[in-house]
Amino acid sequence: LSLWDDKNKSTLRIDLWTKDMPVDEMKRFYLDC
């Protein structure tokens, strides 16, 4: 999740994944993003 902070002109991010998320799927997830 990315949110634009207009006051500070920067991006706030929340990146979460479960501990059972496979590494290959994580790479695919970020590539899709």
PDB file of all heavy atoms in Angstrom:
ATOM      1  N   LEU A   1       0.850  -1.179   0.000  1.00  0.00           N
ATOM      2  CA  LEU A   1       0.000   0.000   0.000  1.00  0.00           C
ATOM      3  C   LEU A   1       0.889   1.233   0.000  1.00  0.00           C
ATOM      4  O   LEU A   1       1.785   1.352   0.836  1.00  0.00           O
ATOM      5  CB  LEU A   1      -0.906  -0.007   1.244  1.00  0.00           C
ATOM      6  CG  LEU A   1      -1.801   1.194   1.469  1.00  0.00           C
ATOM      7  CD1 LEU A   1      -2.856   1.291   0.373  1.00  0.00           C
ATOM      8  CD2 LEU A   1      -2.466   1.097   2.835  1.00  0.00           C
ATOM      9  N   SER A   2       0.656   2.131  -0.952  1.00  0.00           N
ATOM     10  CA  SER A   2       1.418   3.374  -1.037  1.00  0.00           C
ATOM     11  C   SER A   2       0.465   4.560  -0.943  1.00  0.00           C
ATOM     12  O   SER A   2      -0.578   4.569  -1.598  1.00  0.00           O
ATOM     13  CB  SER A   2       2.181   3.457  -2.364  1.00  0.00           C
ATOM     14  OG  SER A   2       3.085   2.402  -2.487  1.00  0.00           O
ATOM     15  N   LEU A   3       0.819   5.520  -0.128  1.00  0.00           N
ATOM     16  CA  LEU A   3       0.021   6.730   0.053  1.00  0.00           C
ATOM     17  C   LEU A   3       0.918   7.948  -0.136  1.00  0.00           C
ATOM     18  O   LEU A   3       2.057   7.967   0.343  1.00  0.00           O
ATOM     19  CB  LEU A   3      -0.581   6.765   1.460  1.00  0.00           C
ATOM     20  CG  LEU A   3      -1.431   5.569   1.864  1.00  0.00           C
ATOM     21  CD1 LEU A   3      -1.678   5.575   3.358  1.00  0.00           C
ATOM     22  CD2 LEU A   3      -2.729   5.569   1.097  1.00  0.00           C
ATOM     23  N   TRP A   4       0.419   8.967  -0.821  1.00  0.00           N
ATOM     24  CA  TRP A   4       1.180  10.184  -1.031  1.00  0.00           C
ATOM     25  C   TRP A   4       0.922  11.145   0.122  1.00  0.00           C
ATOM     26  O   TRP A   4      -0.209  11.520   0.410  1.00  0.00           O
ATOM     27  CB  TRP A   4       0.806  10.843  -2.359  1.00  0.00           C
ATOM     28  CG  TRP A   4       1.566  12.091  -2.621  1.00  0.00           C
ATOM     29  CD1 TRP A   4       1.073  13.368  -2.634  1.00  0.00           C
ATOM     30  CD2 TRP A   4       2.963  12.214  -2.894  1.00  0.00           C
ATOM     31  NE1 TRP A   4       2.075  14.259  -2.900  1.00  0.00           N
ATOM     32  CE2 TRP A   4       3.249  13.579  -3.063  1.00  0.00           C
ATOM     33  CE3 TRP A   4       4.006  11.293  -3.005  1.00  0.00           C
ATOM     34  CZ2 TRP A   4       4.523  14.042  -3.344  1.00  0.00           C
ATOM     35  CZ3 TRP A   4       5.275  11.758  -3.286  1.00  0.00           C
ATOM     36  CH2 TRP A   4       5.524  13.110  -3.456  1.00  0.00           C
ATOM     37  N   ASP A   5       1.995  11.548   0.800  1.00  0.00           N
ATOM     38  CA  ASP A   5       1.928  12.537   1.870  1.00  0.00           C
ATOM     39  C   ASP A   5       2.203  13.899   1.236  1.00  0.00           C
ATOM     40  O   ASP A   5       3.355  14.257   0.984  1.00  0.00           O
ATOM     41  CB  ASP A   5       2.980  12.206   2.935  1.00  0.00           C
ATOM     42  CG  ASP A   5       2.989  13.197   4.087  1.00  0.00           C
ATOM     43  OD1 ASP A   5       2.322  14.254   4.004  1.00  0.00           O
ATOM     44  OD2 ASP A   5       3.684  12.924   5.082  1.00  0.00           O
ATOM     45  N   ASP A   6       1.142  14.623   0.952  1.00  0.00           N
ATOM     46  CA  ASP A   6       1.277  15.908   0.245  1.00  0.00           C
ATOM     47  C   ASP A   6       2.046  16.940   1.061  1.00  0.00           C
ATOM     48  O   ASP A   6       2.813  17.723   0.514  1.00  0.00           O
ATOM     49  CB  ASP A   6      -0.107  16.453  -0.114  1.00  0.00           C
ATOM     50  CG  ASP A   6      -0.027  17.673  -1.005  1.00  0.00           C
ATOM     51  OD1 ASP A   6       0.659  17.597  -2.053  1.00  0.00           O
ATOM     52  OD2 ASP A   6      -0.628  18.703  -0.657  1.00  0.00           O
ATOM     53  N   LYS A   7       1.881  16.905   2.374  1.00  0.00           N
ATOM     54  CA  LYS A   7       2.565  17.874   3.238  1.00  0.00           C
ATOM     55  C   LYS A   7       4.083  17.712   3.144  1.00  0.00           C
ATOM     56  O   LYS A   7       4.820  18.679   3.012  1.00  0.00           O
ATOM     57  CB  LYS A   7       2.101  17.711   4.682  1.00  0.00           C
ATOM     58  CG  LYS A   7       2.745  18.678   5.634  1.00  0.00           C
ATOM     59  CD  LYS A   7       2.241  18.492   7.050  1.00  0.00           C
ATOM     60  CE  LYS A   7       2.947  19.437   7.989  1.00  0.00           C
ATOM     61  NZ  LYS A   7       2.569  19.206   9.378  1.00  0.00           N
ATOM     62  N   ASN A   8       4.573  16.469   3.221  1.00  0.00           N
ATOM     63  CA  ASN A   8       6.012  16.216   3.204  1.00  0.00           C
ATOM     64  C   ASN A   8       6.543  15.852   1.820  1.00  0.00           C
ATOM     65  O   ASN A   8       7.739  15.621   1.659  1.00  0.00           O
ATOM     66  CB  ASN A   8       6.354  15.093   4.182  1.00  0.00           C
ATOM     67  CG  ASN A   8       6.096  15.505   5.612  1.00  0.00           C
ATOM     68  OD1 ASN A   8       6.554  16.546   6.051  1.00  0.00           O
ATOM     69  ND2 ASN A   8       5.329  14.711   6.330  1.00  0.00           N
ATOM     70  N   LYS A   9       5.640  15.778   0.831  1.00  0.00           N
ATOM     71  CA  LYS A   9       6.014  15.424  -0.547  1.00  0.00           C
ATOM     72  C   LYS A   9       6.818  14.123  -0.581  1.00  0.00           C
ATOM     73  O   LYS A   9       7.901  14.031  -1.134  1.00  0.00           O
ATOM     74  CB  LYS A   9       6.801  16.559  -1.227  1.00  0.00           C
ATOM     75  CG  LYS A   9       6.100  17.898  -1.228  1.00  0.00           C
ATOM     76  CD  LYS A   9       4.827  17.841  -2.039  1.00  0.00           C
ATOM     77  CE  LYS A   9       4.190  19.223  -2.109  1.00  0.00           C
ATOM     78  NZ  LYS A   9       2.761  19.194  -2.168  1.00  0.00           N
ATOM     79  N   SER A  10       6.238  13.106   0.057  1.00  0.00           N
ATOM     80  CA  SER A  10       6.896  11.806   0.087  1.00  0.00           C
ATOM     81  C   SER A  10       5.841  10.699   0.133  1.00  0.00           C
ATOM     82  O   SER A  10       4.667  10.945   0.401  1.00  0.00           O
ATOM     83  CB  SER A  10       7.829  11.694   1.295  1.00  0.00           C
ATOM     84  OG  SER A  10       7.082  11.767   2.491  1.00  0.00           O
ATOM     85  N   THR A  11       6.293   9.492  -0.124  1.00  0.00           N
ATOM     86  CA  THR A  11       5.410   8.343  -0.146  1.00  0.00           C
ATOM     87  C   THR A  11       5.492   7.578   1.161  1.00  0.00           C
ATOM     88  O   THR A  11       6.582   7.312   1.670  1.00  0.00           O
ATOM     89  CB  THR A  11       5.789   7.408  -1.320  1.00  0.00           C
ATOM     90  OG1 THR A  11       5.695   8.151  -2.537  1.00  0.00           O
ATOM     91  CG2 THR A  11       4.878   6.204  -1.394  1.00  0.00           C
ATOM     92  N   LEU A  12       4.328   7.242   1.685  1.00  0.00           N
ATOM     93  CA  LEU A  12       4.228   6.386   2.866  1.00  0.00           C
ATOM     94  C   LEU A  12       3.886   4.996   2.350  1.00  0.00           C
ATOM     95  O   LEU A  12       3.013   4.841   1.497  1.00  0.00           O
ATOM     96  CB  LEU A  12       3.122   6.885   3.790  1.00  0.00           C
ATOM     97  CG  LEU A  12       3.209   8.358   4.202  1.00  0.00           C
ATOM     98  CD1 LEU A  12       1.942   8.775   4.929  1.00  0.00           C
ATOM     99  CD2 LEU A  12       4.430   8.583   5.067  1.00  0.00           C
ATOM    100  N   ARG A  13       4.582   3.978   2.842  1.00  0.00           N
ATOM    101  CA  ARG A  13       4.382   2.625   2.328  1.00  0.00           C
ATOM    102  C   ARG A  13       4.133   1.636   3.455  1.00  0.00           C
ATOM    103  O   ARG A  13       4.739   1.744   4.523  1.00  0.00           O
ATOM    104  CB  ARG A  13       5.614   2.160   1.552  1.00  0.00           C
ATOM    105  CG  ARG A  13       5.918   2.972   0.328  1.00  0.00           C
ATOM    106  CD  ARG A  13       7.125   2.442  -0.415  1.00  0.00           C
ATOM    107  NE  ARG A  13       7.158   1.009  -0.548  1.00  0.00           N
ATOM    108  CZ  ARG A  13       6.595   0.319  -1.537  1.00  0.00           C
ATOM    109  NH1 ARG A  13       5.940   0.943  -2.477  1.00  0.00           N
ATOM    110  NH2 ARG A  13       6.680  -0.987  -1.590  1.00  0.00           N
ATOM    111  N   ILE A  14       3.274   0.684   3.159  1.00  0.00           N
ATOM    112  CA  ILE A  14       3.080  -0.467   4.028  1.00  0.00           C
ATOM    113  C   ILE A  14       3.217  -1.698   3.140  1.00  0.00           C
ATOM    114  O   ILE A  14       2.423  -1.883   2.213  1.00  0.00           O
ATOM    115  CB  ILE A  14       1.685  -0.464   4.702  1.00  0.00           C
ATOM    116  CG1 ILE A  14       1.499   0.777   5.559  1.00  0.00           C
ATOM    117  CG2 ILE A  14       1.496  -1.737   5.527  1.00  0.00           C
ATOM    118  CD1 ILE A  14       0.079   0.935   6.093  1.00  0.00           C
ATOM    119  N   ASP A  15       4.229  -2.494   3.380  1.00  0.00           N
ATOM    120  CA  ASP A  15       4.451  -3.745   2.664  1.00  0.00           C
ATOM    121  C   ASP A  15       4.413  -4.866   3.681  1.00  0.00           C
ATOM    122  O   ASP A  15       5.203  -4.876   4.626  1.00  0.00           O
ATOM    123  CB  ASP A  15       5.812  -3.745   1.952  1.00  0.00           C
ATOM    124  CG  ASP A  15       5.876  -2.718   0.845  1.00  0.00           C
ATOM    125  OD1 ASP A  15       5.006  -2.768  -0.041  1.00  0.00           O
ATOM    126  OD2 ASP A  15       6.790  -1.875   0.856  1.00  0.00           O
ATOM    127  N   LEU A  16       3.485  -5.785   3.495  1.00  0.00           N
ATOM    128  CA  LEU A  16       3.345  -6.918   4.412  1.00  0.00           C
ATOM    129  C   LEU A  16       3.212  -8.205   3.622  1.00  0.00           C
ATOM    130  O   LEU A  16       2.655  -8.218   2.526  1.00  0.00           O
ATOM    131  CB  LEU A  16       2.097  -6.758   5.293  1.00  0.00           C
ATOM    132  CG  LEU A  16       2.051  -5.583   6.260  1.00  0.00           C
ATOM    133  CD1 LEU A  16       0.689  -5.519   6.936  1.00  0.00           C
ATOM    134  CD2 LEU A  16       3.152  -5.690   7.293  1.00  0.00           C
ATOM    135  N   TRP A  17       3.724  -9.268   4.196  1.00  0.00           N
ATOM    136  CA  TRP A  17       3.535 -10.601   3.618  1.00  0.00           C
ATOM    137  C   TRP A  17       3.513 -11.603   4.757  1.00  0.00           C
ATOM    138  O   TRP A  17       4.115 -11.390   5.809  1.00  0.00           O
ATOM    139  CB  TRP A  17       4.623 -10.939   2.597  1.00  0.00           C
ATOM    140  CG  TRP A  17       6.014 -10.784   3.116  1.00  0.00           C
ATOM    141  CD1 TRP A  17       6.780 -11.756   3.715  1.00  0.00           C
ATOM    142  CD2 TRP A  17       6.808  -9.608   3.123  1.00  0.00           C
ATOM    143  NE1 TRP A  17       8.005 -11.246   4.081  1.00  0.00           N
ATOM    144  CE2 TRP A  17       8.047  -9.915   3.715  1.00  0.00           C
ATOM    145  CE3 TRP A  17       6.604  -8.297   2.677  1.00  0.00           C
ATOM    146  CZ2 TRP A  17       9.060  -8.980   3.876  1.00  0.00           C
ATOM    147  CZ3 TRP A  17       7.616  -7.368   2.832  1.00  0.00           C
ATOM    148  CH2 TRP A  17       8.833  -7.726   3.429  1.00  0.00           C
ATOM    149  N   THR A  18       2.785 -12.687   4.523  1.00  0.00           N
ATOM    150  CA  THR A  18       2.693 -13.722   5.551  1.00  0.00           C
ATOM    151  C   THR A  18       3.960 -14.558   5.541  1.00  0.00           C
ATOM    152  O   THR A  18       4.669 -14.630   4.528  1.00  0.00           O
ATOM    153  CB  THR A  18       1.473 -14.631   5.313  1.00  0.00           C
ATOM    154  OG1 THR A  18       1.597 -15.252   4.038  1.00  0.00           O
ATOM    155  CG2 THR A  18       0.184 -13.840   5.389  1.00  0.00           C
ATOM    156  N   LYS A  19       4.230 -15.190   6.670  1.00  0.00           N
ATOM    157  CA  LYS A  19       5.470 -15.954   6.769  1.00  0.00           C
ATOM    158  C   LYS A  19       5.471 -17.192   5.893  1.00  0.00           C
ATOM    159  O   LYS A  19       6.531 -17.756   5.638  1.00  0.00           O
ATOM    160  CB  LYS A  19       5.791 -16.292   8.217  1.00  0.00           C
ATOM    161  CG  LYS A  19       4.713 -17.001   8.990  1.00  0.00           C
ATOM    162  CD  LYS A  19       5.169 -17.117  10.446  1.00  0.00           C
ATOM    163  CE  LYS A  19       4.081 -17.554  11.358  1.00  0.00           C
ATOM    164  NZ  LYS A  19       4.509 -17.532  12.753  1.00  0.00           N
ATOM    165  N   ASP A  20       4.298 -17.584   5.362  1.00  0.00           N
ATOM    166  CA  ASP A  20       4.270 -18.737   4.465  1.00  0.00           C
ATOM    167  C   ASP A  20       4.237 -18.333   2.979  1.00  0.00           C
ATOM    168  O   ASP A  20       4.039 -19.176   2.112  1.00  0.00           O
ATOM    169  CB  ASP A  20       3.088 -19.659   4.797  1.00  0.00           C
ATOM    170  CG  ASP A  20       1.733 -19.021   4.537  1.00  0.00           C
ATOM    171  OD1 ASP A  20       1.645 -17.785   4.483  1.00  0.00           O
ATOM    172  OD2 ASP A  20       0.754 -19.777   4.395  1.00  0.00           O
ATOM    173  N   MET A  21       4.485 -17.066   2.688  1.00  0.00           N
ATOM    174  CA  MET A  21       4.536 -16.595   1.290  1.00  0.00           C
ATOM    175  C   MET A  21       5.829 -17.108   0.654  1.00  0.00           C
ATOM    176  O   MET A  21       6.930 -16.769   1.108  1.00  0.00           O
ATOM    177  CB  MET A  21       4.497 -15.066   1.249  1.00  0.00           C
ATOM    178  CG  MET A  21       4.665 -14.448  -0.115  1.00  0.00           C
ATOM    179  SD  MET A  21       3.134 -14.517  -1.019  1.00  0.00           S
ATOM    180  CE  MET A  21       3.513 -13.480  -2.414  1.00  0.00           C
ATOM    181  N   PRO A  22       5.739 -17.935  -0.405  1.00  0.00           N
ATOM    182  CA  PRO A  22       6.953 -18.438  -1.057  1.00  0.00           C
ATOM    183  C   PRO A  22       7.746 -17.312  -1.734  1.00  0.00           C
ATOM    184  O   PRO A  22       7.163 -16.358  -2.262  1.00  0.00           O
ATOM    185  CB  PRO A  22       6.417 -19.415  -2.108  1.00  0.00           C
ATOM    186  CG  PRO A  22       5.035 -19.747  -1.671  1.00  0.00           C
ATOM    187  CD  PRO A  22       4.526 -18.530  -0.959  1.00  0.00           C
ATOM    188  N   VAL A  23       9.057 -17.430  -1.713  1.00  0.00           N
ATOM    189  CA  VAL A  23       9.938 -16.394  -2.273  1.00  0.00           C
ATOM    190  C   VAL A  23       9.665 -16.183  -3.758  1.00  0.00           C
ATOM    191  O   VAL A  23       9.608 -15.040  -4.219  1.00  0.00           O
ATOM    192  CB  VAL A  23      11.425 -16.749  -2.027  1.00  0.00           C
ATOM    193  CG1 VAL A  23      12.343 -15.805  -2.783  1.00  0.00           C
ATOM    194  CG2 VAL A  23      11.736 -16.710  -0.541  1.00  0.00           C
ATOM    195  N   ASP A  24       9.451 -17.262  -4.522  1.00  0.00           N
ATOM    196  CA  ASP A  24       9.200 -17.091  -5.952  1.00  0.00           C
ATOM    197  C   ASP A  24       7.900 -16.335  -6.207  1.00  0.00           C
ATOM    198  O   ASP A  24       7.824 -15.498  -7.115  1.00  0.00           O
ATOM    199  CB  ASP A  24       9.213 -18.437  -6.690  1.00  0.00           C
ATOM    200  CG  ASP A  24       8.127 -19.393  -6.219  1.00  0.00           C
ATOM    201  OD1 ASP A  24       7.818 -19.417  -5.011  1.00  0.00           O
ATOM    202  OD2 ASP A  24       7.594 -20.122  -7.073  1.00  0.00           O
ATOM    203  N   GLU A  25       6.884 -16.569  -5.379  1.00  0.00           N
ATOM    204  CA  GLU A  25       5.640 -15.829  -5.513  1.00  0.00           C
ATOM    205  C   GLU A  25       5.823 -14.369  -5.108  1.00  0.00           C
ATOM    206  O   GLU A  25       5.205 -13.469  -5.672  1.00  0.00           O
ATOM    207  CB  GLU A  25       4.528 -16.477  -4.687  1.00  0.00           C
ATOM    208  CG  GLU A  25       4.036 -17.783  -5.277  1.00  0.00           C
ATOM    209  CD  GLU A  25       2.887 -18.385  -4.477  1.00  0.00           C
ATOM    210  OE1 GLU A  25       2.184 -17.653  -3.744  1.00  0.00           O
ATOM    211  OE2 GLU A  25       2.695 -19.611  -4.594  1.00  0.00           O
ATOM    212  N   MET A  26       6.680 -14.118  -4.107  1.00  0.00           N
ATOM    213  CA  MET A  26       6.950 -12.738  -3.681  1.00  0.00           C
ATOM    214  C   MET A  26       7.600 -11.960  -4.823  1.00  0.00           C
ATOM    215  O   MET A  26       7.239 -10.816  -5.101  1.00  0.00           O
ATOM    216  CB  MET A  26       7.856 -12.727  -2.448  1.00  0.00           C
ATOM    217  CG  MET A  26       8.170 -11.337  -1.934  1.00  0.00           C
ATOM    218  SD  MET A  26       6.740 -10.416  -1.363  1.00  0.00           S
ATOM    219  CE  MET A  26       6.425 -11.242   0.165  1.00  0.00           C
ATOM    220  N   LYS A  27       8.547 -12.589  -5.496  1.00  0.00           N
ATOM    221  CA  LYS A  27       9.196 -11.922  -6.631  1.00  0.00           C
ATOM    222  C   LYS A  27       8.187 -11.629  -7.732  1.00  0.00           C
ATOM    223  O   LYS A  27       8.191 -10.543  -8.319  1.00  0.00           O
ATOM    224  CB  LYS A  27      10.343 -12.772  -7.165  1.00  0.00           C
ATOM    225  CG  LYS A  27      11.521 -12.840  -6.214  1.00  0.00           C
ATOM    226  CD  LYS A  27      12.620 -13.706  -6.777  1.00  0.00           C
ATOM    227  CE  LYS A  27      13.785 -13.831  -5.828  1.00  0.00           C
ATOM    228  NZ  LYS A  27      14.878 -14.631  -6.404  1.00  0.00           N
ATOM    229  N   ARG A  28       7.309 -12.579  -8.007  1.00  0.00           N
ATOM    230  CA  ARG A  28       6.272 -12.381  -9.024  1.00  0.00           C
ATOM    231  C   ARG A  28       5.317 -11.262  -8.611  1.00  0.00           C
ATOM    232  O   ARG A  28       4.896 -10.442  -9.427  1.00  0.00           O
ATOM    233  CB  ARG A  28       5.518 -13.690  -9.248  1.00  0.00           C
ATOM    234  CG  ARG A  28       4.359 -13.607 -10.185  1.00  0.00           C
ATOM    235  CD  ARG A  28       4.822 -13.239 -11.609  1.00  0.00           C
ATOM    236  NE  ARG A  28       3.712 -12.903 -12.448  1.00  0.00           N
ATOM    237  CZ  ARG A  28       3.118 -13.737 -13.276  1.00  0.00           C
ATOM    238  NH1 ARG A  28       3.531 -14.976 -13.368  1.00  0.00           N
ATOM    239  NH2 ARG A  28       2.109 -13.330 -13.997  1.00  0.00           N
ATOM    240  N   PHE A  29       4.970 -11.225  -7.328  1.00  0.00           N
ATOM    241  CA  PHE A  29       4.089 -10.178  -6.804  1.00  0.00           C
ATOM    242  C   PHE A  29       4.676  -8.796  -7.071  1.00  0.00           C
ATOM    243  O   PHE A  29       3.999  -7.911  -7.593  1.00  0.00           O
ATOM    244  CB  PHE A  29       3.855 -10.401  -5.303  1.00  0.00           C
ATOM    245  CG  PHE A  29       3.153  -9.269  -4.607  1.00  0.00           C
ATOM    246  CD1 PHE A  29       1.819  -9.000  -4.853  1.00  0.00           C
ATOM    247  CD2 PHE A  29       3.831  -8.469  -3.699  1.00  0.00           C
ATOM    248  CE1 PHE A  29       1.164  -7.957  -4.210  1.00  0.00           C
ATOM    249  CE2 PHE A  29       3.194  -7.427  -3.050  1.00  0.00           C
ATOM    250  CZ  PHE A  29       1.849  -7.171  -3.303  1.00  0.00           C
ATOM    251  N   TYR A  30       5.947  -8.618  -6.721  1.00  0.00           N
ATOM    252  CA  TYR A  30       6.556  -7.301  -6.923  1.00  0.00           C
ATOM    253  C   TYR A  30       6.748  -6.980  -8.397  1.00  0.00           C
ATOM    254  O   TYR A  30       6.626  -5.824  -8.811  1.00  0.00           O
ATOM    255  CB  TYR A  30       7.855  -7.168  -6.118  1.00  0.00           C
ATOM    256  CG  TYR A  30       7.540  -6.861  -4.676  1.00  0.00           C
ATOM    257  CD1 TYR A  30       7.777  -7.779  -3.665  1.00  0.00           C
ATOM    258  CD2 TYR A  30       6.955  -5.651  -4.326  1.00  0.00           C
ATOM    259  CE1 TYR A  30       7.456  -7.506  -2.354  1.00  0.00           C
ATOM    260  CE2 TYR A  30       6.623  -5.369  -3.018  1.00  0.00           C
ATOM    261  CZ  TYR A  30       6.878  -6.286  -2.035  1.00  0.00           C
ATOM    262  OH  TYR A  30       6.539  -6.016  -0.730  1.00  0.00           O
ATOM    263  N   LEU A  31       7.014  -7.978  -9.217  1.00  0.00           N
ATOM    264  CA  LEU A  31       7.099  -7.755 -10.656  1.00  0.00           C
ATOM    265  C   LEU A  31       5.739  -7.303 -11.199  1.00  0.00           C
ATOM    266  O   LEU A  31       5.662  -6.355 -11.993  1.00  0.00           O
ATOM    267  CB  LEU A  31       7.574  -9.022 -11.363  1.00  0.00           C
ATOM    268  CG  LEU A  31       7.726  -8.934 -12.869  1.00  0.00           C
ATOM    269  CD1 LEU A  31       8.676  -7.822 -13.278  1.00  0.00           C
ATOM    270  CD2 LEU A  31       8.198 -10.267 -13.417  1.00  0.00           C
ATOM    271  N   ASP A  32       4.664  -7.940 -10.755  1.00  0.00           N
ATOM    272  CA  ASP A  32       3.321  -7.517 -11.161  1.00  0.00           C
ATOM    273  C   ASP A  32       3.023  -6.097 -10.687  1.00  0.00           C
ATOM    274  O   ASP A  32       2.385  -5.310 -11.400  1.00  0.00           O
ATOM    275  CB  ASP A  32       2.261  -8.472 -10.621  1.00  0.00           C
ATOM    276  CG  ASP A  32       2.205  -9.801 -11.354  1.00  0.00           C
ATOM    277  OD1 ASP A  32       2.860  -9.934 -12.411  1.00  0.00           O
ATOM    278  OD2 ASP A  32       1.503 -10.710 -10.865  1.00  0.00           O
ATOM    279  N   CYS A  33       3.472  -5.759  -9.476  1.00  0.00           N
ATOM    280  CA  CYS A  33       3.284  -4.389  -8.972  1.00  0.00           C
ATOM    281  C   CYS A  33       3.983  -3.374  -9.873  1.00  0.00           C
ATOM    282  O   CYS A  33       3.412  -2.329 -10.209  1.00  0.00           O
ATOM    283  CB  CYS A  33       3.813  -4.261  -7.545  1.00  0.00           C
ATOM    284  SG  CYS A  33       2.807  -5.067  -6.287  1.00  0.00           S
TER     285      CYS A  33
END
